[in-house]
Amino acid sequence: MLFRSKLFDKLVVNFIKHFIIFWVSVKIVEILTLTSIISRTILLISSIYFLFWLLQFDKKKELNNYIKNTVLARKLLNYYLKLVAIFTLINIISIVFGYMVFAIYIGALTVKITLLVIFLYLLNPLFKRFIQLTFEDKYLKTKNFIYGNKDAILKITFKVINILTYIVFIFSVLEILTIKKPFMTWVNSIFYYQILIGSISFSLWSITLFIIIIILSTFLSKVIQLFLKEEVLMKANLGRGFPETISMLVRYLIIAIGYFLAITSLGFEMSQLTIIFGALSVGIGFGLQNIFNNLVSGLILIFSRPIRIDDTIEINNMIGNVNSIGIRSSNVRTTD
């Protein structure tokens, strides 16, 4: 989880208490006359107090000790503290020179950003706890594919929740600062800028989409392979080695479809793909013969099945058990 320490929770509670003092002072000034001496004095004292406490909070060693499980979490917290400290300093300068309307505006921005951080801090572990409780369901405990891979699933899910938390934080801050629309326009201009290399045209977005499709297809292929192997094929009373073979072929099929979709996402036409595959065939003919031979040998082992998983074989006077059979390589554990 992002924040787990009881000591860190005490630091957060302490921070919230000091923030509430600043928040209440901003609300009081909004109610009172902006140009009054009392309003300026209240906001000035509370802003100086809050800035001083922010600087002290940022220097606490406990803060870095208990937010060390992700580099991104530390960076975002540091960015938040620096951003709020700058806003508070601007707020103080505005009050001193009599720009109370601008000072109230900056104070309101500081309050909104801090409330957002507190809300995400509470929501992040709440979602994670909900996912953990879901795995305690009796039905899920009977599913070996899910419950047997509980730790791996939770680890990936927690990372996704953290990433979504950071995305919500960034876009919410942009919305609060009213710069979301120009920022998205700037990002779109970069991502959709067309790059020409000869007759081939692609953009940064197409490259990003290519990488995303490759990662998703590889991830989904592993998940579907495990699901077929542990939940479907093992219950079908197939012969020894068949579940592993079928699930492996399905995995490679999904990867092949994923790679084809990834290449087409770059904007290549079929004629251009033919040229690429032709160049690959030439490369195989000259420099990739060993790799290609291994792939063909792997296909022969999978389809003709001269050996199966858990078979005992002898290679060069060494005896071992077949652990896995793949297209590129197979694993054999020796008895030594």
C-alpha atoms as a PDB file:
ATOM      1  CA  MET A   1       0.000   0.000   0.000  1.00  0.00           C
ATOM      2  CA  LEU A   2       1.028   3.598  -0.562  1.00  0.00           C
ATOM      3  CA  PHE A   3       0.931   4.693   3.106  1.00  0.00           C
ATOM      4  CA  ARG A   4       1.059   1.971   5.745  1.00  0.00           C
ATOM      5  CA  SER A   5       2.883   3.213   8.820  1.00  0.00           C
ATOM      6  CA  LYS A   6       1.042   4.177  12.012  1.00  0.00           C
ATOM      7  CA  LEU A   7       3.693   6.832  12.583  1.00  0.00           C
ATOM      8  CA  PHE A   8       3.046   8.248   9.141  1.00  0.00           C
ATOM      9  CA  ASP A   9      -0.701   8.301   9.921  1.00  0.00           C
ATOM     10  CA  LYS A  10       0.113  10.439  12.990  1.00  0.00           C
ATOM     11  CA  LEU A  11       2.091  12.809  10.772  1.00  0.00           C
ATOM     12  CA  VAL A  12      -0.842  13.071   8.380  1.00  0.00           C
ATOM     13  CA  VAL A  13      -3.306  13.777  11.213  1.00  0.00           C
ATOM     14  CA  ASN A  14      -0.939  16.440  12.514  1.00  0.00           C
ATOM     15  CA  PHE A  15      -0.724  17.952   9.032  1.00  0.00           C
ATOM     16  CA  ILE A  16      -4.535  17.987   8.675  1.00  0.00           C
ATOM     17  CA  LYS A  17      -4.900  19.829  11.987  1.00  0.00           C
ATOM     18  CA  HIS A  18      -2.536  22.611  10.852  1.00  0.00           C
ATOM     19  CA  PHE A  19      -4.186  22.741   7.444  1.00  0.00           C
ATOM     20  CA  ILE A  20      -7.642  23.171   9.040  1.00  0.00           C
ATOM     21  CA  ILE A  21      -6.368  26.304  10.811  1.00  0.00           C
ATOM     22  CA  PHE A  22      -5.341  27.790   7.460  1.00  0.00           C
ATOM     23  CA  TRP A  23      -8.589  26.649   5.804  1.00  0.00           C
ATOM     24  CA  VAL A  24     -10.770  28.222   8.521  1.00  0.00           C
ATOM     25  CA  SER A  25      -8.830  31.503   8.274  1.00  0.00           C
ATOM     26  CA  VAL A  26      -9.422  31.629   4.501  1.00  0.00           C
ATOM     27  CA  LYS A  27     -13.152  31.068   5.051  1.00  0.00           C
ATOM     28  CA  ILE A  28     -13.278  33.782   7.735  1.00  0.00           C
ATOM     29  CA  VAL A  29     -11.597  36.289   5.426  1.00  0.00           C
ATOM     30  CA  GLU A  30     -14.042  35.422   2.633  1.00  0.00           C
ATOM     31  CA  ILE A  31     -16.890  36.299   4.991  1.00  0.00           C
ATOM     32  CA  LEU A  32     -15.318  39.507   6.318  1.00  0.00           C
ATOM     33  CA  THR A  33     -14.543  42.637   4.293  1.00  0.00           C
ATOM     34  CA  LEU A  34     -11.493  41.928   2.143  1.00  0.00           C
ATOM     35  CA  THR A  35      -9.899  45.331   2.667  1.00  0.00           C
ATOM     36  CA  SER A  36     -10.226  45.363   6.444  1.00  0.00           C
ATOM     37  CA  ILE A  37      -7.124  45.290   8.613  1.00  0.00           C
ATOM     38  CA  ILE A  38      -8.534  42.353  10.559  1.00  0.00           C
ATOM     39  CA  SER A  39      -8.949  40.263   7.384  1.00  0.00           C
ATOM     40  CA  ARG A  40      -5.424  41.018   6.204  1.00  0.00           C
ATOM     41  CA  THR A  41      -3.968  40.282   9.644  1.00  0.00           C
ATOM     42  CA  ILE A  42      -5.822  36.960  10.035  1.00  0.00           C
ATOM     43  CA  LEU A  43      -4.841  35.721   6.568  1.00  0.00           C
ATOM     44  CA  LEU A  44      -1.249  36.943   6.901  1.00  0.00           C
ATOM     45  CA  ILE A  45      -0.674  35.258  10.275  1.00  0.00           C
ATOM     46  CA  SER A  46      -2.319  31.986   9.193  1.00  0.00           C
ATOM     47  CA  SER A  47      -0.374  31.948   5.883  1.00  0.00           C
ATOM     48  CA  ILE A  48       2.974  32.558   7.618  1.00  0.00           C
ATOM     49  CA  TYR A  49       2.125  29.880  10.186  1.00  0.00           C
ATOM     50  CA  PHE A  50       1.091  27.372   7.496  1.00  0.00           C
ATOM     51  CA  LEU A  51       4.210  28.078   5.376  1.00  0.00           C
ATOM     52  CA  PHE A  52       6.472  27.653   8.401  1.00  0.00           C
ATOM     53  CA  TRP A  53       4.801  24.359   9.273  1.00  0.00           C
ATOM     54  CA  LEU A  54       4.998  23.118   5.647  1.00  0.00           C
ATOM     55  CA  LEU A  55       8.761  23.686   5.639  1.00  0.00           C
ATOM     56  CA  GLN A  56       9.095  21.868   8.952  1.00  0.00           C
ATOM     57  CA  PHE A  57       6.900  19.028   7.728  1.00  0.00           C
ATOM     58  CA  ASP A  58       9.000  18.623   4.573  1.00  0.00           C
ATOM     59  CA  LYS A  59      12.185  18.264   6.677  1.00  0.00           C
ATOM     60  CA  LYS A  60      10.831  15.461   8.882  1.00  0.00           C
ATOM     61  CA  LYS A  61      12.975  12.344   8.484  1.00  0.00           C
ATOM     62  CA  GLU A  62      10.014  10.108   9.332  1.00  0.00           C
ATOM     63  CA  LEU A  63       8.280  11.314   6.186  1.00  0.00           C
ATOM     64  CA  ASN A  64      10.948   9.910   3.863  1.00  0.00           C
ATOM     65  CA  ASN A  65      11.379   6.762   5.938  1.00  0.00           C
ATOM     66  CA  TYR A  66       7.728   5.761   5.617  1.00  0.00           C
ATOM     67  CA  ILE A  67       7.090   6.681   1.989  1.00  0.00           C
ATOM     68  CA  LYS A  68       9.828   4.644   0.422  1.00  0.00           C
ATOM     69  CA  ASN A  69       8.019   1.803  -1.341  1.00  0.00           C
ATOM     70  CA  THR A  70       7.654   3.799  -4.593  1.00  0.00           C
ATOM     71  CA  VAL A  71       9.833   6.530  -6.064  1.00  0.00           C
ATOM     72  CA  LEU A  72       6.779   8.082  -7.702  1.00  0.00           C
ATOM     73  CA  ALA A  73       4.993   8.451  -4.336  1.00  0.00           C
ATOM     74  CA  ARG A  74       7.942  10.376  -2.881  1.00  0.00           C
ATOM     75  CA  LYS A  75       8.203  12.603  -5.941  1.00  0.00           C
ATOM     76  CA  LEU A  76       4.504  13.438  -5.967  1.00  0.00           C
ATOM     77  CA  LEU A  77       4.515  14.277  -2.265  1.00  0.00           C
ATOM     78  CA  ASN A  78       7.579  16.488  -2.724  1.00  0.00           C
ATOM     79  CA  TYR A  79       5.951  18.200  -5.713  1.00  0.00           C
ATOM     80  CA  TYR A  80       2.791  18.790  -3.669  1.00  0.00           C
ATOM     81  CA  LEU A  81       4.689  20.279  -0.704  1.00  0.00           C
ATOM     82  CA  LYS A  82       6.750  22.538  -2.962  1.00  0.00           C
ATOM     83  CA  LEU A  83       3.665  23.646  -4.946  1.00  0.00           C
ATOM     84  CA  VAL A  84       1.677  24.483  -1.811  1.00  0.00           C
ATOM     85  CA  ALA A  85       4.694  26.234  -0.253  1.00  0.00           C
ATOM     86  CA  ILE A  86       5.069  28.427  -3.372  1.00  0.00           C
ATOM     87  CA  PHE A  87       1.339  29.210  -3.376  1.00  0.00           C
ATOM     88  CA  THR A  88       1.450  30.128   0.325  1.00  0.00           C
ATOM     89  CA  LEU A  89       4.504  32.357  -0.237  1.00  0.00           C
ATOM     90  CA  ILE A  90       2.711  34.120  -3.112  1.00  0.00           C
ATOM     91  CA  ASN A  91      -0.283  34.467  -0.817  1.00  0.00           C
ATOM     92  CA  ILE A  92       1.860  36.201   1.839  1.00  0.00           C
ATOM     93  CA  ILE A  93       3.436  38.594  -0.696  1.00  0.00           C
ATOM     94  CA  SER A  94      -0.004  39.463  -2.104  1.00  0.00           C
ATOM     95  CA  ILE A  95      -1.331  40.264   1.380  1.00  0.00           C
ATOM     96  CA  VAL A  96       1.666  42.456   2.221  1.00  0.00           C
ATOM     97  CA  PHE A  97       1.224  44.531  -0.960  1.00  0.00           C
ATOM     98  CA  GLY A  98      -2.548  44.752  -0.534  1.00  0.00           C
ATOM     99  CA  TYR A  99      -3.701  42.390  -3.324  1.00  0.00           C
ATOM    100  CA  MET A 100      -6.313  40.700  -1.144  1.00  0.00           C
ATOM    101  CA  VAL A 101      -8.538  39.443  -3.981  1.00  0.00           C
ATOM    102  CA  PHE A 102      -5.574  37.634  -5.535  1.00  0.00           C
ATOM    103  CA  ALA A 103      -4.489  36.383  -2.092  1.00  0.00           C
ATOM    104  CA  ILE A 104      -7.939  34.891  -1.467  1.00  0.00           C
ATOM    105  CA  TYR A 105      -7.816  33.232  -4.904  1.00  0.00           C
ATOM    106  CA  ILE A 106      -4.404  31.667  -4.198  1.00  0.00           C
ATOM    107  CA  GLY A 107      -5.554  30.596  -0.734  1.00  0.00           C
ATOM    108  CA  ALA A 108      -8.615  28.895  -2.236  1.00  0.00           C
ATOM    109  CA  LEU A 109      -6.396  27.041  -4.743  1.00  0.00           C
ATOM    110  CA  THR A 110      -4.176  25.844  -1.888  1.00  0.00           C
ATOM    111  CA  VAL A 111      -7.206  24.607   0.032  1.00  0.00           C
ATOM    112  CA  LYS A 112      -8.643  22.752  -2.998  1.00  0.00           C
ATOM    113  CA  ILE A 113      -5.352  21.023  -3.837  1.00  0.00           C
ATOM    114  CA  THR A 114      -4.798  19.988  -0.201  1.00  0.00           C
ATOM    115  CA  LEU A 115      -8.355  18.657   0.132  1.00  0.00           C
ATOM    116  CA  LEU A 116      -7.770  16.654  -3.052  1.00  0.00           C
ATOM    117  CA  VAL A 117      -4.592  15.112  -1.621  1.00  0.00           C
ATOM    118  CA  ILE A 118      -6.341  14.228   1.660  1.00  0.00           C
ATOM    119  CA  PHE A 119      -9.278  12.700  -0.254  1.00  0.00           C
ATOM    120  CA  LEU A 120      -6.985  10.562  -2.435  1.00  0.00           C
ATOM    121  CA  TYR A 121      -4.986   9.541   0.645  1.00  0.00           C
ATOM    122  CA  LEU A 122      -8.175   8.175   2.228  1.00  0.00           C
ATOM    123  CA  LEU A 123      -9.598   6.680  -0.982  1.00  0.00           C
ATOM    124  CA  ASN A 124      -6.451   4.850  -2.105  1.00  0.00           C
ATOM    125  CA  PRO A 125      -6.186   2.411   0.853  1.00  0.00           C
ATOM    126  CA  LEU A 126      -9.989   2.062   0.918  1.00  0.00           C
ATOM    127  CA  PHE A 127      -9.988   0.624  -2.602  1.00  0.00           C
ATOM    128  CA  LYS A 128      -7.058  -1.642  -1.762  1.00  0.00           C
ATOM    129  CA  ARG A 129      -8.796  -2.952   1.348  1.00  0.00           C
ATOM    130  CA  PHE A 130     -11.938  -3.635  -0.696  1.00  0.00           C
ATOM    131  CA  ILE A 131      -9.909  -5.714  -3.186  1.00  0.00           C
ATOM    132  CA  GLN A 132      -8.290  -7.643  -0.311  1.00  0.00           C
ATOM    133  CA  LEU A 133     -11.688  -8.452   1.224  1.00  0.00           C
ATOM    134  CA  THR A 134     -12.962  -9.594  -2.175  1.00  0.00           C
ATOM    135  CA  PHE A 135     -10.335 -12.356  -2.208  1.00  0.00           C
ATOM    136  CA  GLU A 136     -11.721 -13.684   1.079  1.00  0.00           C
ATOM    137  CA  ASP A 137     -14.958 -14.674  -0.659  1.00  0.00           C
ATOM    138  CA  LYS A 138     -15.686 -18.403  -0.340  1.00  0.00           C
ATOM    139  CA  TYR A 139     -16.347 -18.778  -4.072  1.00  0.00           C
ATOM    140  CA  LEU A 140     -13.007 -17.252  -5.056  1.00  0.00           C
ATOM    141  CA  LYS A 141     -11.184 -19.518  -2.594  1.00  0.00           C
ATOM    142  CA  THR A 142     -12.396 -22.511  -4.613  1.00  0.00           C
ATOM    143  CA  LYS A 143     -10.834 -21.107  -7.798  1.00  0.00           C
ATOM    144  CA  ASN A 144      -7.209 -22.197  -7.853  1.00  0.00           C
ATOM    145  CA  PHE A 145      -6.389 -19.862 -10.766  1.00  0.00           C
ATOM    146  CA  ILE A 146      -7.457 -16.791  -8.762  1.00  0.00           C
ATOM    147  CA  TYR A 147      -6.716 -17.698  -5.148  1.00  0.00           C
ATOM    148  CA  GLY A 148      -3.505 -19.548  -6.003  1.00  0.00           C
ATOM    149  CA  ASN A 149      -2.140 -16.411  -7.680  1.00  0.00           C
ATOM    150  CA  LYS A 150      -3.577 -14.058  -5.036  1.00  0.00           C
ATOM    151  CA  ASP A 151      -0.318 -12.284  -4.180  1.00  0.00           C
ATOM    152  CA  ALA A 152       0.581 -11.602  -7.817  1.00  0.00           C
ATOM    153  CA  ILE A 153      -2.946 -10.342  -8.622  1.00  0.00           C
ATOM    154  CA  LEU A 154      -2.989  -8.071  -5.556  1.00  0.00           C
ATOM    155  CA  LYS A 155       0.444  -6.679  -6.423  1.00  0.00           C
ATOM    156  CA  ILE A 156      -0.626  -5.782  -9.970  1.00  0.00           C
ATOM    157  CA  THR A 157      -4.004  -4.420  -8.785  1.00  0.00           C
ATOM    158  CA  PHE A 158      -2.360  -2.202  -6.168  1.00  0.00           C
ATOM    159  CA  LYS A 159       0.023  -0.806  -8.791  1.00  0.00           C
ATOM    160  CA  VAL A 160      -2.931  -0.019 -11.075  1.00  0.00           C
ATOM    161  CA  ILE A 161      -4.769   1.717  -8.205  1.00  0.00           C
ATOM    162  CA  ASN A 162      -1.647   3.782  -7.420  1.00  0.00           C
ATOM    163  CA  ILE A 163      -1.238   4.808 -11.055  1.00  0.00           C
ATOM    164  CA  LEU A 164      -4.925   5.773 -11.290  1.00  0.00           C
ATOM    165  CA  THR A 165      -4.549   7.789  -8.070  1.00  0.00           C
ATOM    166  CA  TYR A 166      -1.629   9.728  -9.550  1.00  0.00           C
ATOM    167  CA  ILE A 167      -3.536  10.339 -12.813  1.00  0.00           C
ATOM    168  CA  VAL A 168      -6.595  11.614 -10.929  1.00  0.00           C
ATOM    169  CA  PHE A 169      -4.344  13.895  -8.852  1.00  0.00           C
ATOM    170  CA  ILE A 170      -2.584  15.387 -11.878  1.00  0.00           C
ATOM    171  CA  PHE A 171      -5.766  15.981 -13.903  1.00  0.00           C
ATOM    172  CA  SER A 172      -7.610  17.359 -10.862  1.00  0.00           C
ATOM    173  CA  VAL A 173      -4.799  19.846 -10.176  1.00  0.00           C
ATOM    174  CA  LEU A 174      -4.897  20.931 -13.822  1.00  0.00           C
ATOM    175  CA  GLU A 175      -8.663  21.374 -13.516  1.00  0.00           C
ATOM    176  CA  ILE A 176      -8.292  23.392 -10.300  1.00  0.00           C
ATOM    177  CA  LEU A 177      -5.689  25.631 -11.951  1.00  0.00           C
ATOM    178  CA  THR A 178      -8.010  25.957 -15.018  1.00  0.00           C
ATOM    179  CA  ILE A 179      -5.209  24.909 -17.371  1.00  0.00           C
ATOM    180  CA  LYS A 180      -6.482  21.444 -18.255  1.00  0.00           C
ATOM    181  CA  LYS A 181      -7.810  22.400 -21.707  1.00  0.00           C
ATOM    182  CA  PRO A 182      -4.644  24.194 -22.947  1.00  0.00           C
ATOM    183  CA  PHE A 183      -2.514  21.434 -21.448  1.00  0.00           C
ATOM    184  CA  MET A 184      -4.478  18.716 -23.299  1.00  0.00           C
ATOM    185  CA  THR A 185      -4.278  20.760 -26.525  1.00  0.00           C
ATOM    186  CA  TRP A 186      -0.498  20.949 -26.125  1.00  0.00           C
ATOM    187  CA  VAL A 187      -0.246  17.202 -25.386  1.00  0.00           C
ATOM    188  CA  ASN A 188      -2.408  16.335 -28.428  1.00  0.00           C
ATOM    189  CA  SER A 189      -0.252  18.503 -30.686  1.00  0.00           C
ATOM    190  CA  ILE A 190       2.791  16.511 -29.588  1.00  0.00           C
ATOM    191  CA  PHE A 191       1.227  13.049 -29.655  1.00  0.00           C
ATOM    192  CA  TYR A 192      -0.467  13.486 -33.053  1.00  0.00           C
ATOM    193  CA  TYR A 193       2.422  15.243 -34.792  1.00  0.00           C
ATOM    194  CA  GLN A 194       3.119  13.232 -37.945  1.00  0.00           C
ATOM    195  CA  ILE A 195       6.674  11.979 -38.498  1.00  0.00           C
ATOM    196  CA  LEU A 196       7.595  11.111 -42.095  1.00  0.00           C
ATOM    197  CA  ILE A 197      10.319   8.614 -43.005  1.00  0.00           C
ATOM    198  CA  GLY A 198      10.182   8.061 -46.746  1.00  0.00           C
ATOM    199  CA  SER A 199       6.637   6.966 -47.570  1.00  0.00           C
ATOM    200  CA  ILE A 200       5.966   5.828 -43.976  1.00  0.00           C
ATOM    201  CA  SER A 201       4.093   8.205 -41.668  1.00  0.00           C
ATOM    202  CA  PHE A 202       3.555   7.682 -37.940  1.00  0.00           C
ATOM    203  CA  SER A 203       3.078   9.698 -34.749  1.00  0.00           C
ATOM    204  CA  LEU A 204       4.115   9.512 -31.110  1.00  0.00           C
ATOM    205  CA  TRP A 205       0.586   8.319 -30.280  1.00  0.00           C
ATOM    206  CA  SER A 206       0.876   5.393 -32.737  1.00  0.00           C
ATOM    207  CA  ILE A 207       4.218   4.420 -31.140  1.00  0.00           C
ATOM    208  CA  THR A 208       2.651   4.631 -27.665  1.00  0.00           C
ATOM    209  CA  LEU A 209      -0.314   2.544 -28.855  1.00  0.00           C
ATOM    210  CA  PHE A 210       2.124   0.019 -30.352  1.00  0.00           C
ATOM    211  CA  ILE A 211       3.894  -0.388 -26.982  1.00  0.00           C
ATOM    212  CA  ILE A 212       0.591  -0.610 -25.059  1.00  0.00           C
ATOM    213  CA  ILE A 213      -0.786  -3.319 -27.379  1.00  0.00           C
ATOM    214  CA  ILE A 214       2.447  -5.344 -27.086  1.00  0.00           C
ATOM    215  CA  ILE A 215       2.397  -5.147 -23.276  1.00  0.00           C
ATOM    216  CA  LEU A 216      -1.333  -5.959 -23.012  1.00  0.00           C
ATOM    217  CA  SER A 217      -1.179  -8.868 -25.463  1.00  0.00           C
ATOM    218  CA  THR A 218       1.810 -10.376 -23.630  1.00  0.00           C
ATOM    219  CA  PHE A 219       0.101  -9.936 -20.260  1.00  0.00           C
ATOM    220  CA  LEU A 220      -3.262 -11.303 -21.451  1.00  0.00           C
ATOM    221  CA  SER A 221      -1.576 -14.265 -23.131  1.00  0.00           C
ATOM    222  CA  LYS A 222       0.021 -15.285 -19.807  1.00  0.00           C
ATOM    223  CA  VAL A 223      -3.251 -14.837 -17.900  1.00  0.00           C
ATOM    224  CA  ILE A 224      -5.314 -16.813 -20.433  1.00  0.00           C
ATOM    225  CA  GLN A 225      -2.655 -19.530 -20.582  1.00  0.00           C
ATOM    226  CA  LEU A 226      -2.769 -19.987 -16.796  1.00  0.00           C
ATOM    227  CA  PHE A 227      -6.580 -19.876 -16.778  1.00  0.00           C
ATOM    228  CA  LEU A 228      -6.906 -22.538 -19.492  1.00  0.00           C
ATOM    229  CA  LYS A 229      -4.242 -24.717 -17.917  1.00  0.00           C
ATOM    230  CA  GLU A 230      -5.454 -24.573 -14.281  1.00  0.00           C
ATOM    231  CA  GLU A 231      -9.220 -24.034 -14.574  1.00  0.00           C
ATOM    232  CA  VAL A 232     -10.386 -25.500 -17.892  1.00  0.00           C
ATOM    233  CA  LEU A 233      -8.075 -28.080 -19.448  1.00  0.00           C
ATOM    234  CA  MET A 234      -7.019 -29.769 -16.210  1.00  0.00           C
ATOM    235  CA  LYS A 235     -10.681 -30.677 -15.615  1.00  0.00           C
ATOM    236  CA  ALA A 236     -11.188 -32.025 -19.135  1.00  0.00           C
ATOM    237  CA  ASN A 237      -9.369 -35.341 -18.479  1.00  0.00           C
ATOM    238  CA  LEU A 238      -6.972 -34.850 -21.386  1.00  0.00           C
ATOM    239  CA  GLY A 239      -3.827 -36.852 -21.834  1.00  0.00           C
ATOM    240  CA  ARG A 240      -0.587 -35.976 -20.085  1.00  0.00           C
ATOM    241  CA  GLY A 241       0.980 -32.883 -21.591  1.00  0.00           C
ATOM    242  CA  PHE A 242      -2.102 -31.832 -23.588  1.00  0.00           C
ATOM    243  CA  PRO A 243      -3.196 -29.004 -21.230  1.00  0.00           C
ATOM    244  CA  GLU A 244       0.270 -27.454 -21.379  1.00  0.00           C
ATOM    245  CA  THR A 245       0.428 -27.808 -25.185  1.00  0.00           C
ATOM    246  CA  ILE A 246      -3.027 -26.341 -25.874  1.00  0.00           C
ATOM    247  CA  SER A 247      -2.626 -23.452 -23.420  1.00  0.00           C
ATOM    248  CA  MET A 248       0.804 -22.674 -24.878  1.00  0.00           C
ATOM    249  CA  LEU A 249      -0.547 -22.594 -28.453  1.00  0.00           C
ATOM    250  CA  VAL A 250      -3.378 -20.285 -27.370  1.00  0.00           C
ATOM    251  CA  ARG A 251      -0.810 -18.007 -25.727  1.00  0.00           C
ATOM    252  CA  TYR A 252       1.325 -17.797 -28.858  1.00  0.00           C
ATOM    253  CA  LEU A 253      -1.792 -17.188 -30.964  1.00  0.00           C
ATOM    254  CA  ILE A 254      -2.797 -14.235 -28.755  1.00  0.00           C
ATOM    255  CA  ILE A 255       0.755 -12.849 -28.910  1.00  0.00           C
ATOM    256  CA  ALA A 256       0.781 -13.176 -32.723  1.00  0.00           C
ATOM    257  CA  ILE A 257      -2.569 -11.351 -33.002  1.00  0.00           C
ATOM    258  CA  GLY A 258      -1.312  -8.694 -30.604  1.00  0.00           C
ATOM    259  CA  TYR A 259       1.875  -8.116 -32.582  1.00  0.00           C
ATOM    260  CA  PHE A 260      -0.107  -7.900 -35.836  1.00  0.00           C
ATOM    261  CA  LEU A 261      -2.489  -5.312 -34.298  1.00  0.00           C
ATOM    262  CA  ALA A 262       0.488  -3.410 -32.857  1.00  0.00           C
ATOM    263  CA  ILE A 263       2.198  -3.204 -36.258  1.00  0.00           C
ATOM    264  CA  THR A 264      -1.008  -2.112 -37.990  1.00  0.00           C
ATOM    265  CA  SER A 265      -1.503   0.579 -35.296  1.00  0.00           C
ATOM    266  CA  LEU A 266       1.668   2.243 -36.600  1.00  0.00           C
ATOM    267  CA  GLY A 267      -0.205   2.914 -39.847  1.00  0.00           C
ATOM    268  CA  PHE A 268       1.617   0.438 -42.083  1.00  0.00           C
ATOM    269  CA  GLU A 269      -0.258  -0.741 -45.172  1.00  0.00           C
ATOM    270  CA  MET A 270      -0.260  -4.368 -46.307  1.00  0.00           C
ATOM    271  CA  SER A 271       2.210  -3.610 -49.103  1.00  0.00           C
ATOM    272  CA  GLN A 272       4.610  -2.105 -46.554  1.00  0.00           C
ATOM    273  CA  LEU A 273       4.153  -5.096 -44.231  1.00  0.00           C
ATOM    274  CA  THR A 274       5.052  -7.373 -47.142  1.00  0.00           C
ATOM    275  CA  ILE A 275       8.327  -5.472 -47.574  1.00  0.00           C
ATOM    276  CA  ILE A 276       9.058  -5.746 -43.828  1.00  0.00           C
ATOM    277  CA  PHE A 277       8.375  -9.488 -43.763  1.00  0.00           C
ATOM    278  CA  GLY A 278      10.507  -9.891 -46.886  1.00  0.00           C
ATOM    279  CA  ALA A 279      13.395  -8.123 -45.141  1.00  0.00           C
ATOM    280  CA  LEU A 280      12.906 -10.373 -42.110  1.00  0.00           C
ATOM    281  CA  SER A 281      13.076 -13.471 -44.321  1.00  0.00           C
ATOM    282  CA  VAL A 282      16.378 -12.242 -45.746  1.00  0.00           C
ATOM    283  CA  GLY A 283      17.646 -11.619 -42.211  1.00  0.00           C
ATOM    284  CA  ILE A 284      16.598 -15.135 -41.201  1.00  0.00           C
ATOM    285  CA  GLY A 285      18.410 -16.537 -44.227  1.00  0.00           C
ATOM    286  CA  PHE A 286      21.678 -14.805 -43.356  1.00  0.00           C
ATOM    287  CA  GLY A 287      21.994 -14.210 -39.633  1.00  0.00           C
ATOM    288  CA  LEU A 288      19.066 -15.759 -37.745  1.00  0.00           C
ATOM    289  CA  GLN A 289      19.270 -19.357 -38.888  1.00  0.00           C
ATOM    290  CA  ASN A 290      19.959 -20.771 -35.414  1.00  0.00           C
ATOM    291  CA  ILE A 291      17.008 -18.907 -33.874  1.00  0.00           C
ATOM    292  CA  PHE A 292      14.714 -19.960 -36.725  1.00  0.00           C
ATOM    293  CA  ASN A 293      15.881 -23.573 -36.411  1.00  0.00           C
ATOM    294  CA  ASN A 294      15.104 -23.502 -32.686  1.00  0.00           C
ATOM    295  CA  LEU A 295      11.605 -22.198 -33.404  1.00  0.00           C
ATOM    296  CA  VAL A 296      10.957 -24.944 -35.946  1.00  0.00           C
ATOM    297  CA  SER A 297      12.312 -27.563 -33.537  1.00  0.00           C
ATOM    298  CA  GLY A 298      10.013 -26.216 -30.824  1.00  0.00           C
ATOM    299  CA  LEU A 299       6.990 -26.503 -33.134  1.00  0.00           C
ATOM    300  CA  ILE A 300       7.943 -30.097 -33.970  1.00  0.00           C
ATOM    301  CA  LEU A 301       8.183 -30.980 -30.266  1.00  0.00           C
ATOM    302  CA  ILE A 302       4.791 -29.368 -29.577  1.00  0.00           C
ATOM    303  CA  PHE A 303       2.822 -30.958 -32.439  1.00  0.00           C
ATOM    304  CA  SER A 304       4.494 -34.354 -32.964  1.00  0.00           C
ATOM    305  CA  ARG A 305       5.027 -34.741 -29.178  1.00  0.00           C
ATOM    306  CA  PRO A 306       7.991 -37.186 -29.208  1.00  0.00           C
ATOM    307  CA  ILE A 307       8.527 -36.136 -25.586  1.00  0.00           C
ATOM    308  CA  ARG A 308       6.062 -34.824 -23.015  1.00  0.00           C
ATOM    309  CA  ILE A 309       6.244 -32.852 -19.789  1.00  0.00           C
ATOM    310  CA  ASP A 310       7.419 -35.035 -16.845  1.00  0.00           C
ATOM    311  CA  ASP A 311       9.126 -37.481 -19.242  1.00  0.00           C
ATOM    312  CA  THR A 312      12.582 -38.697 -18.247  1.00  0.00           C
ATOM    313  CA  ILE A 313      15.110 -38.277 -21.060  1.00  0.00           C
ATOM    314  CA  GLU A 314      18.844 -38.769 -21.568  1.00  0.00           C
ATOM    315  CA  ILE A 315      20.989 -36.177 -23.396  1.00  0.00           C
ATOM    316  CA  ASN A 316      24.760 -36.572 -23.722  1.00  0.00           C
ATOM    317  CA  ASN A 317      24.891 -39.116 -20.872  1.00  0.00           C
ATOM    318  CA  MET A 318      22.826 -36.778 -18.662  1.00  0.00           C
ATOM    319  CA  ILE A 319      19.414 -37.863 -17.355  1.00  0.00           C
ATOM    320  CA  GLY A 320      16.692 -35.353 -16.472  1.00  0.00           C
ATOM    321  CA  ASN A 321      12.969 -34.640 -16.318  1.00  0.00           C
ATOM    322  CA  VAL A 322      11.199 -32.402 -18.836  1.00  0.00           C
ATOM    323  CA  ASN A 323       9.797 -29.376 -16.970  1.00  0.00           C
ATOM    324  CA  SER A 324       8.425 -27.358 -19.884  1.00  0.00           C
ATOM    325  CA  ILE A 325       8.300 -27.388 -23.662  1.00  0.00           C
ATOM    326  CA  GLY A 326       8.220 -24.123 -25.589  1.00  0.00           C
ATOM    327  CA  ILE A 327       8.639 -22.913 -29.136  1.00  0.00           C
ATOM    328  CA  ARG A 328      11.936 -21.136 -28.461  1.00  0.00           C
ATOM    329  CA  SER A 329      13.323 -23.367 -25.710  1.00  0.00           C
ATOM    330  CA  SER A 330      12.527 -26.281 -23.421  1.00  0.00           C
ATOM    331  CA  ASN A 331      13.611 -26.838 -19.820  1.00  0.00           C
ATOM    332  CA  VAL A 332      15.013 -30.101 -18.488  1.00  0.00           C
ATOM    333  CA  ARG A 333      15.942 -30.580 -14.827  1.00  0.00           C
ATOM    334  CA  THR A 334      18.807 -33.015 -14.343  1.00  0.00           C
ATOM    335  CA  THR A 335      18.954 -35.483 -11.467  1.00  0.00           C
ATOM    336  CA  ASP A 336      22.320 -34.075 -10.272  1.00  0.00           C
END
